[in-house]
Amino acid sequence: MSFNLANKSSEQRNIEEAEKARLFELWQQNLHRTKVEAARLVGEKSKRKGKWDEWLRAQLAQMTPPEYASMVQREVRRLLAAR
């Protein structure tokens, strides 16, 4: 498997570039919302105590699209590491 776009067909390059553009747009549009949502989830940690991990997984599983859920999950990890 080659990651060099020069080794791929024009059609495949266009597909990959379109996907990168889509993900970048999703990131731009949801960055603020992601930070707010992650802060809310982390804020629940002390209230939910031992059940927080399970609750967090359920919350993330309900989020769509999956790329957004991944953004929130990464931000939750970042916030927890900063504590």
N, C-alpha and C. Protein backbone atom coordinates (compact mmCIF):
# COMPACT_ATOMS: atom_id res chain seq x y z
N MET A 1 0.85 -1.17 0.00
CA MET A 1 0.00 0.00 0.00
C MET A 1 0.89 1.23 0.00
N SER A 2 0.65 2.09 -0.94
CA SER A 2 1.45 3.31 -1.06
C SER A 2 0.67 4.51 -0.54
N PHE A 3 1.35 5.32 0.26
CA PHE A 3 0.71 6.54 0.75
C PHE A 3 1.10 7.74 -0.11
N ASN A 4 1.96 7.52 -1.08
CA ASN A 4 2.39 8.58 -1.97
C ASN A 4 1.31 8.80 -3.02
N LEU A 5 0.72 9.99 -3.03
CA LEU A 5 -0.36 10.26 -3.98
C LEU A 5 0.10 10.17 -5.42
N ALA A 6 1.38 10.41 -5.67
CA ALA A 6 1.89 10.35 -7.04
C ALA A 6 1.81 8.93 -7.60
N ASN A 7 1.75 7.94 -6.72
CA ASN A 7 1.68 6.54 -7.17
C ASN A 7 0.23 6.08 -7.37
N LYS A 8 -0.71 6.96 -7.18
CA LYS A 8 -2.12 6.59 -7.30
C LYS A 8 -2.71 7.20 -8.57
N SER A 9 -3.81 6.62 -9.00
CA SER A 9 -4.48 7.14 -10.19
C SER A 9 -5.07 8.51 -9.90
N SER A 10 -5.32 9.25 -10.95
CA SER A 10 -5.92 10.57 -10.81
C SER A 10 -7.26 10.49 -10.08
N GLU A 11 -8.04 9.49 -10.43
CA GLU A 11 -9.35 9.31 -9.79
C GLU A 11 -9.19 9.05 -8.28
N GLN A 12 -8.24 8.18 -7.91
CA GLN A 12 -8.03 7.87 -6.50
C GLN A 12 -7.51 9.10 -5.74
N ARG A 13 -6.63 9.87 -6.37
CA ARG A 13 -6.15 11.10 -5.73
C ARG A 13 -7.29 12.07 -5.48
N ASN A 14 -8.17 12.21 -6.46
CA ASN A 14 -9.31 13.12 -6.31
C ASN A 14 -10.24 12.66 -5.18
N ILE A 15 -10.46 11.36 -5.07
CA ILE A 15 -11.30 10.82 -4.01
C ILE A 15 -10.68 11.11 -2.65
N GLU A 16 -9.38 10.87 -2.53
CA GLU A 16 -8.70 11.09 -1.25
C GLU A 16 -8.64 12.57 -0.90
N GLU A 17 -8.43 13.43 -1.86
CA GLU A 17 -8.40 14.86 -1.59
C GLU A 17 -9.79 15.38 -1.20
N ALA A 18 -10.83 14.85 -1.81
CA ALA A 18 -12.20 15.24 -1.46
C ALA A 18 -12.53 14.81 -0.03
N GLU A 19 -12.07 13.62 0.37
CA GLU A 19 -12.30 13.15 1.73
C GLU A 19 -11.55 14.01 2.73
N LYS A 20 -10.32 14.38 2.43
CA LYS A 20 -9.56 15.26 3.31
C LYS A 20 -10.26 16.61 3.46
N ALA A 21 -10.78 17.14 2.37
CA ALA A 21 -11.49 18.42 2.41
C ALA A 21 -12.76 18.31 3.25
N ARG A 22 -13.47 17.19 3.12
CA ARG A 22 -14.69 16.97 3.89
C ARG A 22 -14.38 16.92 5.39
N LEU A 23 -13.33 16.19 5.74
CA LEU A 23 -12.97 16.07 7.15
C LEU A 23 -12.48 17.40 7.73
N PHE A 24 -11.76 18.17 6.93
CA PHE A 24 -11.30 19.47 7.40
C PHE A 24 -12.48 20.40 7.63
N GLU A 25 -13.45 20.38 6.74
CA GLU A 25 -14.65 21.21 6.90
C GLU A 25 -15.43 20.79 8.14
N LEU A 26 -15.58 19.49 8.36
CA LEU A 26 -16.26 18.99 9.54
C LEU A 26 -15.53 19.46 10.80
N TRP A 27 -14.21 19.39 10.80
CA TRP A 27 -13.41 19.83 11.94
C TRP A 27 -13.62 21.33 12.20
N GLN A 28 -13.55 22.12 11.14
CA GLN A 28 -13.74 23.57 11.30
C GLN A 28 -15.12 23.90 11.86
N GLN A 29 -16.13 23.27 11.33
CA GLN A 29 -17.50 23.58 11.73
C GLN A 29 -17.83 23.12 13.14
N ASN A 30 -17.11 22.13 13.64
CA ASN A 30 -17.47 21.53 14.93
C ASN A 30 -16.45 21.74 16.04
N LEU A 31 -15.40 22.49 15.79
CA LEU A 31 -14.35 22.63 16.78
C LEU A 31 -14.87 23.23 18.09
N HIS A 32 -15.60 24.32 18.02
CA HIS A 32 -16.12 24.95 19.24
C HIS A 32 -17.10 24.02 19.96
N ARG A 33 -18.01 23.43 19.20
CA ARG A 33 -19.01 22.52 19.77
C ARG A 33 -18.33 21.32 20.44
N THR A 34 -17.24 20.84 19.84
CA THR A 34 -16.49 19.72 20.40
C THR A 34 -15.93 20.08 21.77
N LYS A 35 -15.34 21.26 21.88
CA LYS A 35 -14.75 21.69 23.15
C LYS A 35 -15.82 21.84 24.23
N VAL A 36 -16.96 22.40 23.88
CA VAL A 36 -18.05 22.57 24.83
C VAL A 36 -18.58 21.21 25.29
N GLU A 37 -18.79 20.32 24.35
CA GLU A 37 -19.32 18.99 24.66
C GLU A 37 -18.34 18.20 25.53
N ALA A 38 -17.06 18.25 25.20
CA ALA A 38 -16.05 17.54 25.99
C ALA A 38 -16.00 18.08 27.41
N ALA A 39 -16.09 19.39 27.56
CA ALA A 39 -16.08 19.99 28.90
C ALA A 39 -17.29 19.53 29.70
N ARG A 40 -18.43 19.42 29.04
CA ARG A 40 -19.64 18.94 29.72
C ARG A 40 -19.45 17.50 30.19
N LEU A 41 -18.89 16.67 29.32
CA LEU A 41 -18.69 15.26 29.66
C LEU A 41 -17.70 15.11 30.82
N VAL A 42 -16.61 15.85 30.77
CA VAL A 42 -15.62 15.79 31.84
C VAL A 42 -16.22 16.32 33.14
N GLY A 43 -17.08 17.31 33.04
CA GLY A 43 -17.74 17.87 34.21
C GLY A 43 -18.62 16.86 34.94
N GLU A 44 -19.06 15.86 34.24
CA GLU A 44 -19.90 14.82 34.84
C GLU A 44 -19.09 13.77 35.60
N LYS A 45 -17.78 13.78 35.43
CA LYS A 45 -16.94 12.73 36.02
C LYS A 45 -17.09 12.63 37.53
N SER A 46 -17.06 13.74 38.22
CA SER A 46 -17.15 13.70 39.69
C SER A 46 -18.56 13.32 40.15
N LYS A 47 -19.56 13.63 39.37
CA LYS A 47 -20.94 13.29 39.74
C LYS A 47 -21.23 11.81 39.55
N ARG A 48 -20.64 11.23 38.50
CA ARG A 48 -20.94 9.83 38.15
C ARG A 48 -19.96 8.84 38.73
N LYS A 49 -18.86 9.32 39.23
CA LYS A 49 -17.83 8.53 39.90
C LYS A 49 -17.44 7.28 39.11
N GLY A 50 -17.60 6.10 39.67
CA GLY A 50 -17.15 4.85 39.04
C GLY A 50 -17.90 4.48 37.78
N LYS A 51 -19.07 5.02 37.59
CA LYS A 51 -19.88 4.69 36.40
C LYS A 51 -19.60 5.64 35.25
N TRP A 52 -18.71 6.61 35.44
CA TRP A 52 -18.47 7.62 34.42
C TRP A 52 -17.94 7.03 33.12
N ASP A 53 -16.98 6.12 33.19
CA ASP A 53 -16.40 5.53 31.97
C ASP A 53 -17.47 4.88 31.10
N GLU A 54 -18.33 4.11 31.74
CA GLU A 54 -19.41 3.44 31.02
C GLU A 54 -20.38 4.47 30.43
N TRP A 55 -20.72 5.47 31.21
CA TRP A 55 -21.62 6.53 30.75
C TRP A 55 -21.00 7.30 29.58
N LEU A 56 -19.70 7.59 29.70
CA LEU A 56 -19.00 8.31 28.62
C LEU A 56 -19.04 7.52 27.33
N ARG A 57 -18.75 6.23 27.40
CA ARG A 57 -18.79 5.39 26.19
C ARG A 57 -20.18 5.43 25.54
N ALA A 58 -21.22 5.38 26.37
CA ALA A 58 -22.59 5.43 25.85
C ALA A 58 -22.87 6.77 25.18
N GLN A 59 -22.40 7.85 25.80
CA GLN A 59 -22.60 9.18 25.23
C GLN A 59 -21.90 9.30 23.88
N LEU A 60 -20.66 8.83 23.82
CA LEU A 60 -19.89 8.91 22.57
C LEU A 60 -20.52 8.05 21.48
N ALA A 61 -21.05 6.89 21.85
CA ALA A 61 -21.66 5.99 20.88
C ALA A 61 -22.89 6.61 20.22
N GLN A 62 -23.56 7.52 20.92
CA GLN A 62 -24.77 8.16 20.38
C GLN A 62 -24.46 9.32 19.44
N MET A 63 -23.22 9.78 19.44
CA MET A 63 -22.87 10.96 18.64
C MET A 63 -22.67 10.59 17.18
N THR A 64 -23.14 11.48 16.32
CA THR A 64 -22.95 11.30 14.89
C THR A 64 -22.48 12.60 14.29
N PRO A 65 -21.75 12.55 13.24
CA PRO A 65 -21.14 11.37 12.62
C PRO A 65 -20.01 10.83 13.50
N PRO A 66 -19.53 9.64 13.19
CA PRO A 66 -18.47 9.03 14.00
C PRO A 66 -17.21 9.90 14.10
N GLU A 67 -16.94 10.68 13.07
CA GLU A 67 -15.78 11.57 13.11
C GLU A 67 -15.92 12.63 14.20
N TYR A 68 -17.16 13.10 14.40
CA TYR A 68 -17.42 14.07 15.45
C TYR A 68 -17.21 13.42 16.82
N ALA A 69 -17.70 12.21 16.99
CA ALA A 69 -17.51 11.48 18.25
C ALA A 69 -16.02 11.32 18.54
N SER A 70 -15.23 11.04 17.52
CA SER A 70 -13.78 10.91 17.70
C SER A 70 -13.16 12.23 18.13
N MET A 71 -13.64 13.32 17.56
CA MET A 71 -13.14 14.64 17.96
C MET A 71 -13.42 14.89 19.44
N VAL A 72 -14.64 14.57 19.87
CA VAL A 72 -15.02 14.78 21.27
C VAL A 72 -14.18 13.88 22.17
N GLN A 73 -14.00 12.64 21.77
CA GLN A 73 -13.21 11.70 22.57
C GLN A 73 -11.77 12.20 22.74
N ARG A 74 -11.17 12.68 21.67
CA ARG A 74 -9.81 13.23 21.76
C ARG A 74 -9.76 14.44 22.69
N GLU A 75 -10.77 15.29 22.62
CA GLU A 75 -10.79 16.48 23.48
C GLU A 75 -11.00 16.08 24.94
N VAL A 76 -11.81 15.07 25.20
CA VAL A 76 -11.99 14.58 26.56
C VAL A 76 -10.65 14.09 27.10
N ARG A 77 -9.93 13.30 26.30
CA ARG A 77 -8.61 12.81 26.72
C ARG A 77 -7.66 13.97 27.02
N ARG A 78 -7.69 14.99 26.16
CA ARG A 78 -6.81 16.15 26.35
C ARG A 78 -7.15 16.87 27.65
N LEU A 79 -8.44 17.06 27.92
CA LEU A 79 -8.85 17.72 29.14
C LEU A 79 -8.46 16.92 30.38
N LEU A 80 -8.62 15.62 30.32
CA LEU A 80 -8.26 14.78 31.47
C LEU A 80 -6.75 14.78 31.71
N ALA A 81 -5.97 14.80 30.65
CA ALA A 81 -4.51 14.82 30.78
C ALA A 81 -4.02 16.14 31.36
N ALA A 82 -4.77 17.20 31.12
CA ALA A 82 -4.38 18.53 31.60
C ALA A 82 -4.69 18.72 33.08
N ARG A 83 -5.46 17.85 33.66
CA ARG A 83 -5.85 17.96 35.08
C ARG A 83 -4.69 17.70 35.99
